[in-house]
C-alpha atoms as a PDB file:
ATOM      1  CA  MET A   1      79.460 171.012 -56.228  1.00  0.00           C
ATOM      2  CA  ALA A   2      81.880 168.834 -57.104  1.00  0.00           C
ATOM      3  CA  SER A   3      82.496 170.166 -60.310  1.00  0.00           C
ATOM      4  CA  ARG A   4      82.184 173.082 -59.729  1.00  0.00           C
ATOM      5  CA  LEU A   5      85.221 172.736 -56.735  1.00  0.00           C
ATOM      6  CA  GLN A   6      87.456 171.065 -58.796  1.00  0.00           C
ATOM      7  CA  GLN A   7      87.027 174.031 -61.973  1.00  0.00           C
ATOM      8  CA  ALA A   8      87.383 176.905 -58.807  1.00  0.00           C
ATOM      9  CA  TRP A   9      90.754 174.850 -57.939  1.00  0.00           C
ATOM     10  CA  LEU A  10      92.519 175.657 -61.179  1.00  0.00           C
ATOM     11  CA  ARG A  11      92.497 179.149 -60.620  1.00  0.00           C
ATOM     12  CA  ARG A  12      92.526 182.071 -57.847  1.00  0.00           C
ATOM     13  CA  GLY A  13      89.015 183.313 -58.798  1.00  0.00           C
ATOM     14  CA  PRO A  14      86.277 184.354 -56.768  1.00  0.00           C
ATOM     15  CA  LEU A  15      85.238 181.022 -54.778  1.00  0.00           C
ATOM     16  CA  ALA A  16      88.687 180.071 -54.295  1.00  0.00           C
ATOM     17  CA  CYS A  17      89.409 183.233 -52.503  1.00  0.00           C
ATOM     18  CA  LEU A  18      86.336 182.704 -50.679  1.00  0.00           C
ATOM     19  CA  LEU A  19      87.456 179.534 -49.202  1.00  0.00           C
ATOM     20  CA  TRP A  20      91.064 180.585 -48.754  1.00  0.00           C
ATOM     21  CA  PRO A  21      90.739 181.553 -45.145  1.00  0.00           C
ATOM     22  CA  LEU A  22      89.429 178.115 -44.364  1.00  0.00           C
ATOM     23  CA  SER A  23      92.316 176.943 -46.003  1.00  0.00           C
ATOM     24  CA  ARG A  24      94.476 178.609 -43.932  1.00  0.00           C
ATOM     25  CA  LEU A  25      92.977 177.319 -40.915  1.00  0.00           C
ATOM     26  CA  TYR A  26      93.658 173.200 -42.842  1.00  0.00           C
ATOM     27  CA  GLY A  27      97.292 174.020 -43.181  1.00  0.00           C
ATOM     28  CA  LEU A  28      97.453 174.805 -39.699  1.00  0.00           C
ATOM     29  CA  LEU A  29      95.691 171.664 -38.589  1.00  0.00           C
ATOM     30  CA  VAL A  30      98.426 169.759 -41.176  1.00  0.00           C
ATOM     31  CA  GLU A  31     101.248 171.320 -39.840  1.00  0.00           C
ATOM     32  CA  LEU A  32     100.572 170.473 -35.881  1.00  0.00           C
ATOM     33  CA  ARG A  33     100.019 166.638 -37.147  1.00  0.00           C
ATOM     34  CA  ARG A  34     102.871 166.923 -38.815  1.00  0.00           C
ATOM     35  CA  LEU A  35     105.043 168.113 -36.285  1.00  0.00           C
ATOM     36  CA  ALA A  36     103.135 165.234 -33.593  1.00  0.00           C
ATOM     37  CA  PHE A  37     104.765 162.280 -35.391  1.00  0.00           C
ATOM     38  CA  ARG A  38     107.604 164.106 -35.976  1.00  0.00           C
ATOM     39  CA  ALA A  39     108.005 165.011 -32.231  1.00  0.00           C
ATOM     40  CA  GLY A  40     106.663 161.206 -31.259  1.00  0.00           C
ATOM     41  CA  TYR A  41     103.824 162.325 -29.893  1.00  0.00           C
ATOM     42  CA  PHE A  42     101.810 159.881 -32.333  1.00  0.00           C
ATOM     43  CA  LYS A  43     103.245 156.957 -33.424  1.00  0.00           C
ATOM     44  CA  SER A  44     104.593 156.170 -36.148  1.00  0.00           C
ATOM     45  CA  GLU A  45     105.599 152.364 -36.976  1.00  0.00           C
ATOM     46  CA  ASN A  46     108.896 151.329 -39.010  1.00  0.00           C
ATOM     47  CA  LEU A  47     108.691 147.888 -40.380  1.00  0.00           C
ATOM     48  CA  PRO A  48     111.866 145.328 -41.096  1.00  0.00           C
ATOM     49  CA  VAL A  49     111.121 145.666 -45.388  1.00  0.00           C
ATOM     50  CA  PRO A  50     111.648 148.462 -47.395  1.00  0.00           C
ATOM     51  CA  VAL A  51     108.843 150.797 -47.512  1.00  0.00           C
ATOM     52  CA  VAL A  52     107.927 152.647 -50.849  1.00  0.00           C
ATOM     53  CA  VAL A  53     104.690 155.314 -50.621  1.00  0.00           C
ATOM     54  CA  VAL A  54     103.037 155.903 -53.606  1.00  0.00           C
ATOM     55  CA  GLY A  55     100.480 158.868 -54.072  1.00  0.00           C
ATOM     56  CA  ASN A  56      99.524 162.552 -54.799  1.00  0.00           C
ATOM     57  CA  VAL A  57      99.196 165.859 -52.834  1.00  0.00           C
ATOM     58  CA  VAL A  58      96.276 167.108 -54.640  1.00  0.00           C
ATOM     59  CA  VAL A  59      92.670 165.874 -54.215  1.00  0.00           C
ATOM     60  CA  GLY A  60      91.507 163.655 -57.077  1.00  0.00           C
ATOM     61  CA  GLY A  61      92.348 160.527 -59.468  1.00  0.00           C
ATOM     62  CA  ALA A  62      96.327 161.381 -60.716  1.00  0.00           C
ATOM     63  CA  GLY A  63      96.625 158.175 -62.760  1.00  0.00           C
ATOM     64  CA  LYS A  64      98.563 156.831 -59.004  1.00  0.00           C
ATOM     65  CA  THR A  65      97.069 153.031 -59.775  1.00  0.00           C
ATOM     66  CA  PRO A  66      98.718 152.362 -63.075  1.00  0.00           C
ATOM     67  CA  ALA A  67     101.656 153.644 -61.458  1.00  0.00           C
ATOM     68  CA  VAL A  68     101.560 151.480 -58.719  1.00  0.00           C
ATOM     69  CA  ILE A  69     101.161 148.838 -61.111  1.00  0.00           C
ATOM     70  CA  ALA A  70     103.992 149.613 -63.455  1.00  0.00           C
ATOM     71  CA  LEU A  71     106.180 149.518 -60.343  1.00  0.00           C
ATOM     72  CA  VAL A  72     105.035 146.535 -58.891  1.00  0.00           C
ATOM     73  CA  ARG A  73     105.813 144.605 -62.291  1.00  0.00           C
ATOM     74  CA  HIS A  74     109.303 146.264 -62.509  1.00  0.00           C
ATOM     75  CA  LEU A  75     110.318 144.880 -58.888  1.00  0.00           C
ATOM     76  CA  GLN A  76     109.194 141.551 -59.756  1.00  0.00           C
ATOM     77  CA  ALA A  77     110.967 141.765 -62.953  1.00  0.00           C
ATOM     78  CA  ARG A  78     114.327 142.372 -60.887  1.00  0.00           C
ATOM     79  CA  GLY A  79     112.971 139.112 -58.822  1.00  0.00           C
ATOM     80  CA  LEU A  80     111.736 141.121 -55.745  1.00  0.00           C
ATOM     81  CA  SER A  81     109.525 139.370 -53.816  1.00  0.00           C
ATOM     82  CA  VAL A  82     106.829 142.375 -53.632  1.00  0.00           C
ATOM     83  CA  GLY A  83     103.697 143.296 -51.541  1.00  0.00           C
ATOM     84  CA  VAL A  84     100.990 146.079 -51.586  1.00  0.00           C
ATOM     85  CA  VAL A  85      98.789 147.958 -49.008  1.00  0.00           C
ATOM     86  CA  SER A  86      96.349 150.151 -49.557  1.00  0.00           C
ATOM     87  CA  ARG A  87      93.142 151.366 -47.462  1.00  0.00           C
ATOM     88  CA  GLY A  88      90.680 150.305 -50.067  1.00  0.00           C
ATOM     89  CA  TYR A  89      88.892 153.490 -50.831  1.00  0.00           C
ATOM     90  CA  GLY A  90      84.951 153.193 -51.444  1.00  0.00           C
ATOM     91  CA  ARG A  91      84.738 149.446 -50.075  1.00  0.00           C
ATOM     92  CA  SER A  92      81.798 148.566 -47.714  1.00  0.00           C
ATOM     93  CA  SER A  93      84.249 146.537 -45.082  1.00  0.00           C
ATOM     94  CA  THR A  94      86.847 147.595 -42.594  1.00  0.00           C
ATOM     95  CA  GLN A  95      88.465 144.342 -41.894  1.00  0.00           C
ATOM     96  CA  CYS A  96      91.941 143.861 -42.745  1.00  0.00           C
ATOM     97  CA  LEU A  97      91.647 141.185 -45.309  1.00  0.00           C
ATOM     98  CA  GLU A  98      93.851 139.939 -47.715  1.00  0.00           C
ATOM     99  CA  VAL A  99      92.595 140.049 -51.528  1.00  0.00           C
ATOM    100  CA  LEU A 100      92.265 137.161 -53.313  1.00  0.00           C
ATOM    101  CA  PRO A 101      90.703 136.607 -56.535  1.00  0.00           C
ATOM    102  CA  ASP A 102      87.335 135.664 -55.253  1.00  0.00           C
ATOM    103  CA  THR A 103      87.481 138.215 -52.883  1.00  0.00           C
ATOM    104  CA  PRO A 104      83.812 140.178 -53.474  1.00  0.00           C
ATOM    105  CA  ILE A 105      84.958 143.781 -54.620  1.00  0.00           C
ATOM    106  CA  GLU A 106      82.659 145.213 -51.963  1.00  0.00           C
ATOM    107  CA  ALA A 107      85.247 143.997 -49.100  1.00  0.00           C
ATOM    108  CA  SER A 108      88.414 144.804 -51.295  1.00  0.00           C
ATOM    109  CA  GLY A 109      87.655 147.845 -53.149  1.00  0.00           C
ATOM    110  CA  ASP A 110      88.192 148.079 -57.036  1.00  0.00           C
ATOM    111  CA  GLU A 111      91.554 149.728 -57.126  1.00  0.00           C
ATOM    112  CA  PRO A 112      93.041 146.994 -54.840  1.00  0.00           C
ATOM    113  CA  ALA A 113      91.177 144.359 -56.798  1.00  0.00           C
ATOM    114  CA  PHE A 114      92.461 145.887 -59.802  1.00  0.00           C
ATOM    115  CA  VAL A 115      95.963 145.759 -58.486  1.00  0.00           C
ATOM    116  CA  ARG A 116      95.720 142.075 -57.541  1.00  0.00           C
ATOM    117  CA  ARG A 117      94.631 141.395 -61.575  1.00  0.00           C
ATOM    118  CA  ALA A 118      97.167 143.203 -63.200  1.00  0.00           C
ATOM    119  CA  THR A 119     100.519 141.810 -60.810  1.00  0.00           C
ATOM    120  CA  GLY A 120      99.571 138.962 -59.029  1.00  0.00           C
ATOM    121  CA  ALA A 121     101.320 140.529 -55.992  1.00  0.00           C
ATOM    122  CA  PRO A 122      99.740 139.964 -52.434  1.00  0.00           C
ATOM    123  CA  ILE A 123      97.726 143.092 -51.200  1.00  0.00           C
ATOM    124  CA  PHE A 124      96.064 143.702 -48.161  1.00  0.00           C
ATOM    125  CA  VAL A 125      93.548 146.233 -47.277  1.00  0.00           C
ATOM    126  CA  ALA A 126      92.763 147.749 -44.083  1.00  0.00           C
ATOM    127  CA  SER A 127      91.796 151.097 -42.551  1.00  0.00           C
ATOM    128  CA  ARG A 128      95.314 151.246 -41.371  1.00  0.00           C
ATOM    129  CA  ARG A 129      97.788 150.690 -43.888  1.00  0.00           C
ATOM    130  CA  THR A 130     100.278 149.885 -40.890  1.00  0.00           C
ATOM    131  CA  GLU A 131      97.835 146.668 -40.265  1.00  0.00           C
ATOM    132  CA  ALA A 132      97.343 145.853 -43.375  1.00  0.00           C
ATOM    133  CA  ALA A 133     101.208 145.432 -43.680  1.00  0.00           C
ATOM    134  CA  ARG A 134     101.784 143.521 -40.534  1.00  0.00           C
ATOM    135  CA  ALA A 135      99.116 141.023 -41.881  1.00  0.00           C
ATOM    136  CA  LEU A 136     100.716 140.884 -44.736  1.00  0.00           C
ATOM    137  CA  LEU A 137     104.196 140.201 -43.532  1.00  0.00           C
ATOM    138  CA  VAL A 138     102.577 137.347 -41.498  1.00  0.00           C
ATOM    139  CA  ALA A 139     100.722 135.484 -44.404  1.00  0.00           C
ATOM    140  CA  HIS A 140     103.756 136.513 -46.888  1.00  0.00           C
ATOM    141  CA  PRO A 141     107.243 135.780 -44.448  1.00  0.00           C
ATOM    142  CA  GLN A 142     108.980 136.193 -47.814  1.00  0.00           C
ATOM    143  CA  THR A 143     108.162 139.552 -49.161  1.00  0.00           C
ATOM    144  CA  GLN A 144     111.124 141.858 -49.665  1.00  0.00           C
ATOM    145  CA  LEU A 145     109.357 145.197 -50.107  1.00  0.00           C
ATOM    146  CA  ILE A 146     106.063 146.885 -49.411  1.00  0.00           C
ATOM    147  CA  VAL A 147     104.501 149.134 -51.714  1.00  0.00           C
ATOM    148  CA  CYS A 148     101.640 151.453 -50.386  1.00  0.00           C
ATOM    149  CA  ASP A 149      99.443 152.427 -52.955  1.00  0.00           C
ATOM    150  CA  ASP A 150      98.313 156.174 -52.115  1.00  0.00           C
ATOM    151  CA  GLY A 151      99.450 156.963 -48.154  1.00  0.00           C
ATOM    152  CA  LEU A 152     101.581 160.122 -48.510  1.00  0.00           C
ATOM    153  CA  GLN A 153      99.770 161.352 -45.603  1.00  0.00           C
ATOM    154  CA  HIS A 154      99.499 158.183 -43.428  1.00  0.00           C
ATOM    155  CA  TYR A 155     102.531 159.225 -41.808  1.00  0.00           C
ATOM    156  CA  ALA A 156     101.962 156.013 -38.961  1.00  0.00           C
ATOM    157  CA  LEU A 157     103.523 154.349 -41.122  1.00  0.00           C
ATOM    158  CA  GLN A 158     107.112 154.862 -41.594  1.00  0.00           C
ATOM    159  CA  ARG A 159     108.624 155.002 -45.306  1.00  0.00           C
ATOM    160  CA  ASP A 160     112.063 155.007 -46.990  1.00  0.00           C
ATOM    161  CA  VAL A 161     110.927 156.167 -50.246  1.00  0.00           C
ATOM    162  CA  GLU A 162     107.690 159.116 -51.142  1.00  0.00           C
ATOM    163  CA  ILE A 163     106.746 159.068 -54.849  1.00  0.00           C
ATOM    164  CA  ALA A 164     104.507 162.161 -55.887  1.00  0.00           C
ATOM    165  CA  VAL A 165     102.582 161.241 -58.777  1.00  0.00           C
ATOM    166  CA  PHE A 166     100.992 164.494 -60.795  1.00  0.00           C
ATOM    167  CA  ASP A 167      98.468 164.510 -63.625  1.00  0.00           C
ATOM    168  CA  GLU A 168      98.474 167.708 -66.173  1.00  0.00           C
ATOM    169  CA  ARG A 169      96.439 169.753 -63.477  1.00  0.00           C
ATOM    170  CA  GLY A 170     100.177 169.854 -61.393  1.00  0.00           C
ATOM    171  CA  VAL A 171      98.934 171.750 -58.031  1.00  0.00           C
ATOM    172  CA  GLY A 172      96.007 173.547 -59.427  1.00  0.00           C
ATOM    173  CA  ASN A 173      95.907 177.218 -58.318  1.00  0.00           C
ATOM    174  CA  GLY A 174      98.333 176.327 -55.522  1.00  0.00           C
ATOM    175  CA  TRP A 175      96.447 176.498 -52.553  1.00  0.00           C
ATOM    176  CA  LEU A 176      95.223 174.216 -49.807  1.00  0.00           C
ATOM    177  CA  LEU A 177      91.818 172.581 -49.339  1.00  0.00           C
ATOM    178  CA  PRO A 178      89.318 174.067 -49.552  1.00  0.00           C
ATOM    179  CA  ALA A 179      90.167 176.906 -51.381  1.00  0.00           C
ATOM    180  CA  GLY A 180      92.477 174.425 -54.021  1.00  0.00           C
ATOM    181  CA  PRO A 181      93.156 170.936 -54.442  1.00  0.00           C
ATOM    182  CA  LEU A 182      96.221 170.704 -52.192  1.00  0.00           C
ATOM    183  CA  ARG A 183      96.268 168.119 -49.226  1.00  0.00           C
ATOM    184  CA  GLU A 184      99.619 169.756 -47.480  1.00  0.00           C
ATOM    185  CA  PRO A 185     101.850 172.373 -48.394  1.00  0.00           C
ATOM    186  CA  TRP A 186     103.786 172.286 -51.883  1.00  0.00           C
ATOM    187  CA  PRO A 187     106.392 172.494 -52.298  1.00  0.00           C
ATOM    188  CA  ASP A 188     107.000 172.753 -48.620  1.00  0.00           C
ATOM    189  CA  ARG A 189     106.382 169.109 -49.185  1.00  0.00           C
ATOM    190  CA  LEU A 190     109.387 168.379 -50.724  1.00  0.00           C
ATOM    191  CA  ARG A 191     111.905 168.990 -48.514  1.00  0.00           C
ATOM    192  CA  ARG A 192     109.615 168.304 -44.960  1.00  0.00           C
ATOM    193  CA  GLY A 193     107.987 164.960 -44.200  1.00  0.00           C
ATOM    194  CA  VAL A 194     107.647 162.684 -40.930  1.00  0.00           C
ATOM    195  CA  ARG A 195     111.200 160.882 -41.284  1.00  0.00           C
ATOM    196  CA  ALA A 196     114.326 161.459 -39.932  1.00  0.00           C
ATOM    197  CA  GLY A 197     116.435 164.632 -40.765  1.00  0.00           C
ATOM    198  CA  GLY A 198     113.074 166.070 -42.115  1.00  0.00           C
ATOM    199  CA  ARG A 199     112.803 164.009 -45.673  1.00  0.00           C
ATOM    200  CA  GLY A 200     110.075 164.945 -48.150  1.00  0.00           C
ATOM    201  CA  ILE A 201     109.445 163.491 -51.496  1.00  0.00           C
ATOM    202  CA  ASP A 202     111.793 161.250 -52.994  1.00  0.00           C
ATOM    203  CA  LEU A 203     110.486 161.556 -56.771  1.00  0.00           C
ATOM    204  CA  VAL A 204     107.966 163.033 -58.398  1.00  0.00           C
ATOM    205  CA  LEU A 205     106.457 161.251 -61.679  1.00  0.00           C
ATOM    206  CA  HIS A 206     104.177 163.162 -64.134  1.00  0.00           C
ATOM    207  CA  THR A 207     101.398 161.018 -65.795  1.00  0.00           C
ATOM    208  CA  GLY A 208     100.060 163.622 -68.195  1.00  0.00           C
ATOM    209  CA  ALA A 209     101.192 164.561 -71.613  1.00  0.00           C
ATOM    210  CA  GLU A 210     103.241 167.117 -69.913  1.00  0.00           C
ATOM    211  CA  VAL A 211     104.906 167.529 -67.288  1.00  0.00           C
ATOM    212  CA  ALA A 212     103.152 169.886 -64.877  1.00  0.00           C
ATOM    213  CA  VAL A 213     105.270 170.993 -62.147  1.00  0.00           C
ATOM    214  CA  ARG A 214     108.291 172.438 -62.837  1.00  0.00           C
ATOM    215  CA  GLY A 215     112.065 174.144 -60.969  1.00  0.00           C
ATOM    216  CA  PHE A 216     112.454 172.069 -58.210  1.00  0.00           C
ATOM    217  CA  SER A 217     116.068 171.406 -58.028  1.00  0.00           C
ATOM    218  CA  GLY A 218     116.978 167.998 -56.109  1.00  0.00           C
ATOM    219  CA  VAL A 219     114.348 166.114 -56.237  1.00  0.00           C
ATOM    220  CA  PRO A 220     113.892 164.581 -59.603  1.00  0.00           C
ATOM    221  CA  GLY A 221     111.105 164.542 -61.587  1.00  0.00           C
ATOM    222  CA  PHE A 222     110.037 161.969 -64.603  1.00  0.00           C
ATOM    223  CA  GLY A 223     107.661 161.498 -67.585  1.00  0.00           C
ATOM    224  CA  SER A 224     105.578 159.141 -68.713  1.00  0.00           C
ATOM    225  CA  THR A 225     103.653 157.664 -71.799  1.00  0.00           C
ATOM    226  CA  ARG A 226     100.360 156.101 -71.648  1.00  0.00           C
ATOM    227  CA  ARG A 227      98.542 154.507 -74.546  1.00  0.00           C
ATOM    228  CA  LEU A 228      95.873 151.755 -74.580  1.00  0.00           C
ATOM    229  CA  ALA A 229      96.488 148.454 -75.853  1.00  0.00           C
ATOM    230  CA  ASP A 230      96.205 146.998 -79.197  1.00  0.00           C
ATOM    231  CA  HIS A 231      93.012 144.692 -77.763  1.00  0.00           C
ATOM    232  CA  ALA A 232      90.445 144.361 -75.524  1.00  0.00           C
ATOM    233  CA  LEU A 233      89.841 141.832 -72.776  1.00  0.00           C
ATOM    234  CA  ARG A 234      86.853 139.382 -72.509  1.00  0.00           C
ATOM    235  CA  ALA A 235      86.085 137.984 -68.938  1.00  0.00           C
ATOM    236  CA  ASP A 236      87.873 134.810 -69.336  1.00  0.00           C
ATOM    237  CA  GLY A 237      90.832 136.644 -70.260  1.00  0.00           C
ATOM    238  CA  SER A 238      91.146 136.172 -73.786  1.00  0.00           C
ATOM    239  CA  ARG A 239      91.449 139.011 -76.153  1.00  0.00           C
ATOM    240  CA  VAL A 240      89.944 140.961 -78.826  1.00  0.00           C
ATOM    241  CA  ALA A 241      92.130 143.151 -81.635  1.00  0.00           C
ATOM    242  CA  LEU A 242      91.060 146.893 -81.450  1.00  0.00           C
ATOM    243  CA  GLU A 243      91.117 146.902 -85.112  1.00  0.00           C
ATOM    244  CA  ALA A 244      88.503 143.876 -85.105  1.00  0.00           C
ATOM    245  CA  LEU A 245      85.782 146.105 -83.464  1.00  0.00           C
ATOM    246  CA  ALA A 246      86.582 149.438 -85.270  1.00  0.00           C
ATOM    247  CA  SER A 247      83.692 149.031 -87.281  1.00  0.00           C
ATOM    248  CA  GLN A 248      81.093 147.480 -85.062  1.00  0.00           C
ATOM    249  CA  PRO A 249      79.070 150.188 -82.938  1.00  0.00           C
ATOM    250  CA  LEU A 250      80.041 150.920 -79.341  1.00  0.00           C
ATOM    251  CA  LEU A 251      79.029 151.793 -76.060  1.00  0.00           C
ATOM    252  CA  ALA A 252      82.190 153.143 -74.212  1.00  0.00           C
ATOM    253  CA  LEU A 253      81.302 153.778 -70.056  1.00  0.00           C
ATOM    254  CA  ALA A 254      84.233 154.719 -67.466  1.00  0.00           C
ATOM    255  CA  GLY A 255      83.480 155.231 -63.655  1.00  0.00           C
ATOM    256  CA  ILE A 256      87.135 156.714 -62.896  1.00  0.00           C
ATOM    257  CA  ALA A 257      88.249 160.500 -62.744  1.00  0.00           C
ATOM    258  CA  LYS A 258      88.383 161.879 -65.892  1.00  0.00           C
ATOM    259  CA  PRO A 259      86.253 159.040 -68.131  1.00  0.00           C
ATOM    260  CA  GLU A 260      86.219 161.490 -71.498  1.00  0.00           C
ATOM    261  CA  ALA A 261      90.000 161.105 -71.579  1.00  0.00           C
ATOM    262  CA  PHE A 262      88.972 157.267 -72.063  1.00  0.00           C
ATOM    263  CA  PHE A 263      86.782 157.721 -74.578  1.00  0.00           C
ATOM    264  CA  ALA A 264      89.012 160.370 -76.380  1.00  0.00           C
ATOM    265  CA  MET A 265      91.656 157.518 -76.571  1.00  0.00           C
ATOM    266  CA  LEU A 266      89.253 155.061 -78.046  1.00  0.00           C
ATOM    267  CA  ARG A 267      88.154 157.248 -80.808  1.00  0.00           C
ATOM    268  CA  ALA A 268      92.063 158.157 -81.171  1.00  0.00           C
ATOM    269  CA  ARG A 269      91.986 154.728 -81.650  1.00  0.00           C
ATOM    270  CA  GLY A 270      89.301 154.911 -85.068  1.00  0.00           C
ATOM    271  CA  LEU A 271      86.903 153.434 -82.528  1.00  0.00           C
ATOM    272  CA  VAL A 272      82.689 154.164 -83.511  1.00  0.00           C
ATOM    273  CA  LEU A 273      81.431 155.094 -79.812  1.00  0.00           C
ATOM    274  CA  ALA A 274      77.842 155.430 -80.321  1.00  0.00           C
ATOM    275  CA  GLU A 275      77.084 156.111 -77.110  1.00  0.00           C
ATOM    276  CA  THR A 276      79.128 157.058 -74.026  1.00  0.00           C
ATOM    277  CA  ARG A 277      78.364 157.041 -70.220  1.00  0.00           C
ATOM    278  CA  ALA A 278      80.468 159.297 -67.701  1.00  0.00           C
ATOM    279  CA  LEU A 279      79.907 157.539 -64.658  1.00  0.00           C
ATOM    280  CA  PRO A 280      81.366 158.537 -61.031  1.00  0.00           C
ATOM    281  CA  ASP A 281      84.804 157.363 -59.831  1.00  0.00           C
ATOM    282  CA  HIS A 282      84.531 153.852 -58.346  1.00  0.00           C
ATOM    283  CA  TYR A 283      81.353 153.532 -59.658  1.00  0.00           C
ATOM    284  CA  ALA A 284      79.993 150.103 -57.899  1.00  0.00           C
ATOM    285  CA  PHE A 285      77.619 149.450 -60.924  1.00  0.00           C
ATOM    286  CA  ASP A 286      75.106 147.435 -58.505  1.00  0.00           C
ATOM    287  CA  SER A 287      72.533 149.625 -60.210  1.00  0.00           C
ATOM    288  CA  TYR A 288      73.865 149.945 -63.364  1.00  0.00           C
ATOM    289  CA  PRO A 289      70.794 149.692 -66.216  1.00  0.00           C
ATOM    290  CA  ARG A 290      72.240 147.306 -69.060  1.00  0.00           C
ATOM    291  CA  PRO A 291      71.730 148.579 -72.163  1.00  0.00           C
ATOM    292  CA  GLN A 292      68.807 146.510 -73.915  1.00  0.00           C
ATOM    293  CA  ASP A 293      67.876 146.054 -77.627  1.00  0.00           C
ATOM    294  CA  LYS A 294      70.534 148.278 -79.437  1.00  0.00           C
ATOM    295  CA  GLY A 295      72.882 145.835 -80.271  1.00  0.00           C
ATOM    296  CA  TYR A 296      76.066 147.872 -78.857  1.00  0.00           C
ATOM    297  CA  THR A 297      79.132 145.993 -77.827  1.00  0.00           C
ATOM    298  CA  VAL A 298      79.768 147.607 -74.351  1.00  0.00           C
ATOM    299  CA  ILE A 299      83.991 148.591 -73.880  1.00  0.00           C
ATOM    300  CA  CYS A 300      85.286 149.600 -70.501  1.00  0.00           C
ATOM    301  CA  THR A 301      87.943 150.124 -68.606  1.00  0.00           C
ATOM    302  CA  GLU A 302      89.662 147.336 -66.840  1.00  0.00           C
ATOM    303  CA  LYS A 303      89.336 149.405 -63.357  1.00  0.00           C
ATOM    304  CA  ASP A 304      85.670 148.731 -64.462  1.00  0.00           C
ATOM    305  CA  ALA A 305      86.024 145.644 -65.730  1.00  0.00           C
ATOM    306  CA  VAL A 306      86.485 144.224 -62.009  1.00  0.00           C
ATOM    307  CA  LYS A 307      83.381 145.059 -60.986  1.00  0.00           C
ATOM    308  CA  LEU A 308      81.410 144.652 -64.504  1.00  0.00           C
ATOM    309  CA  PHE A 309      82.548 141.066 -65.594  1.00  0.00           C
ATOM    310  CA  PRO A 310      80.723 139.215 -62.673  1.00  0.00           C
ATOM    311  CA  ARG A 311      77.432 141.131 -63.809  1.00  0.00           C
ATOM    312  CA  GLN A 312      77.899 141.110 -67.611  1.00  0.00           C
ATOM    313  CA  ALA A 313      80.631 138.648 -68.916  1.00  0.00           C
ATOM    314  CA  ASP A 314      80.156 140.041 -72.465  1.00  0.00           C
ATOM    315  CA  VAL A 315      81.715 143.574 -71.908  1.00  0.00           C
ATOM    316  CA  LEU A 316      84.970 144.068 -73.383  1.00  0.00           C
ATOM    317  CA  ALA A 317      87.701 146.027 -71.010  1.00  0.00           C
ATOM    318  CA  VAL A 318      90.886 147.889 -72.725  1.00  0.00           C
ATOM    319  CA  PRO A 319      93.983 147.867 -70.975  1.00  0.00           C
ATOM    320  CA  LEU A 320      95.737 151.309 -70.293  1.00  0.00           C
ATOM    321  CA  GLU A 321      99.478 150.653 -71.211  1.00  0.00           C
ATOM    322  CA  PHE A 322     101.483 153.025 -68.800  1.00  0.00           C
ATOM    323  CA  SER A 323     104.851 153.471 -68.360  1.00  0.00           C
ATOM    324  CA  PRO A 324     107.621 155.463 -66.883  1.00  0.00           C
ATOM    325  CA  GLU A 325     110.884 156.912 -68.962  1.00  0.00           C
ATOM    326  CA  PRO A 326     113.654 154.634 -67.985  1.00  0.00           C
ATOM    327  CA  ALA A 327     115.722 157.175 -66.128  1.00  0.00           C
ATOM    328  CA  PHE A 328     112.613 156.710 -63.388  1.00  0.00           C
ATOM    329  CA  PHE A 329     113.521 153.076 -62.361  1.00  0.00           C
ATOM    330  CA  THR A 330     116.845 154.234 -62.772  1.00  0.00           C
ATOM    331  CA  ALA A 331     116.694 156.856 -60.260  1.00  0.00           C
ATOM    332  CA  LEU A 332     113.842 154.170 -58.238  1.00  0.00           C
ATOM    333  CA  ASP A 333     116.573 151.415 -57.902  1.00  0.00           C
ATOM    334  CA  ALA A 334     119.563 153.565 -56.931  1.00  0.00           C
ATOM    335  CA  LEU A 335     117.000 154.865 -53.771  1.00  0.00           C
ATOM    336  CA  LEU A 336     116.122 151.046 -53.313  1.00  0.00           C
ATOM    337  CA  SER A 337     119.370 149.223 -53.726  1.00  0.00           C
ATOM    338  CA  PRO A 338     121.078 150.578 -50.083  1.00  0.00           C
ATOM    339  CA  LEU A 339     117.627 149.056 -48.357  1.00  0.00           C
ATOM    340  CA  LEU A 340     117.406 146.104 -49.574  1.00  0.00           C
ATOM    341  CA  SER A 341     119.273 143.245 -47.865  1.00  0.00           C
ATOM    342  CA  PRO A 342     118.827 139.123 -47.134  1.00  0.00           C
ATOM    343  CA  LEU A 343     115.494 138.740 -45.499  1.00  0.00           C
ATOM    344  CA  PRO A 344     115.627 138.255 -41.679  1.00  0.00           C
ATOM    345  CA  SER A 345     114.211 134.389 -40.602  1.00  0.00           C
ATOM    346  CA  SER A 346     111.467 136.017 -39.108  1.00  0.00           C
ATOM    347  CA  HIS A 347     109.442 139.257 -39.286  1.00  0.00           C
ATOM    348  CA  GLY A 348     108.889 141.628 -36.558  1.00  0.00           C
ATOM    349  CA  HIS A 349     107.915 145.494 -35.935  1.00  0.00           C
ATOM    350  CA  GLN A 350     109.177 148.263 -33.876  1.00  0.00           C
ATOM    351  CA  THR A 351     107.803 151.575 -33.184  1.00  0.00           C
ATOM    352  CA  ALA A 352     108.929 154.731 -33.366  1.00  0.00           C
END
């Protein structure tokens, strides 16, 4: 059913049209919720440090986590102390906690663990991102800026910069759930938000090979490049050159939004995939049957590796090198510069 819906959301066919009346009701609820936050009926918390939200307005993976990692690394390179908050999709725990190197994946979620491993930035997860942000500031008072992994629709957390991420699907058929993939109206979301003055999306970042969303003046859109690294990583952090794997039969597996895209990138690098296994996004690997007696080397994504390494230490993970175009960072820095100031002696918070 999920696969059928994903296909239906690409065009305005019979199934999408059948669901269209429900999408109108959904749109009304979305607008009422937004207005309730704007009017102050629901509280929206303002933090003492700038908040950058990286998210999407469509259902399903759009390359958001690699974008978060690239953003955090850029800010760290500028000398900023950056923290990350996330809901921790798919985790078994509901408590607010800091993601540390020894935190069980089941408690943190795979994406927060991946971000922590890739950047070293402090990251907190909680059902409410506002709670995670408060806890982060208490534990790491030197934090100058918070990046929120997902959360464009989490209006309870005030934000200073909003970045919408799109892959090659763009906005699909342009309809709201359940008739289309949109979580909220587009392009209205560009112009309307919950911040003062009705500001909406500040920047649009495209993670696909082509720009999928066009024609919106006043909101810059930027492209990016994505390629596999020239090496794979072992569990101990050591590297294996991809060219050294070219003569080996490989079992490639991926529990991500688009497994076939990962397999295609491996083949494009000259690797021989004797077998592939496309698994559901955020697959836990708790019941994963390890291949027996075939002599295959198992290769996977870095996101999958944070769950697989403790279970199968001889797995190899191939990093994805994701790079927004330089103009994206220039535009982001211009938005952040007036917001960054010397740290206060202590952090507090207020509601608005």
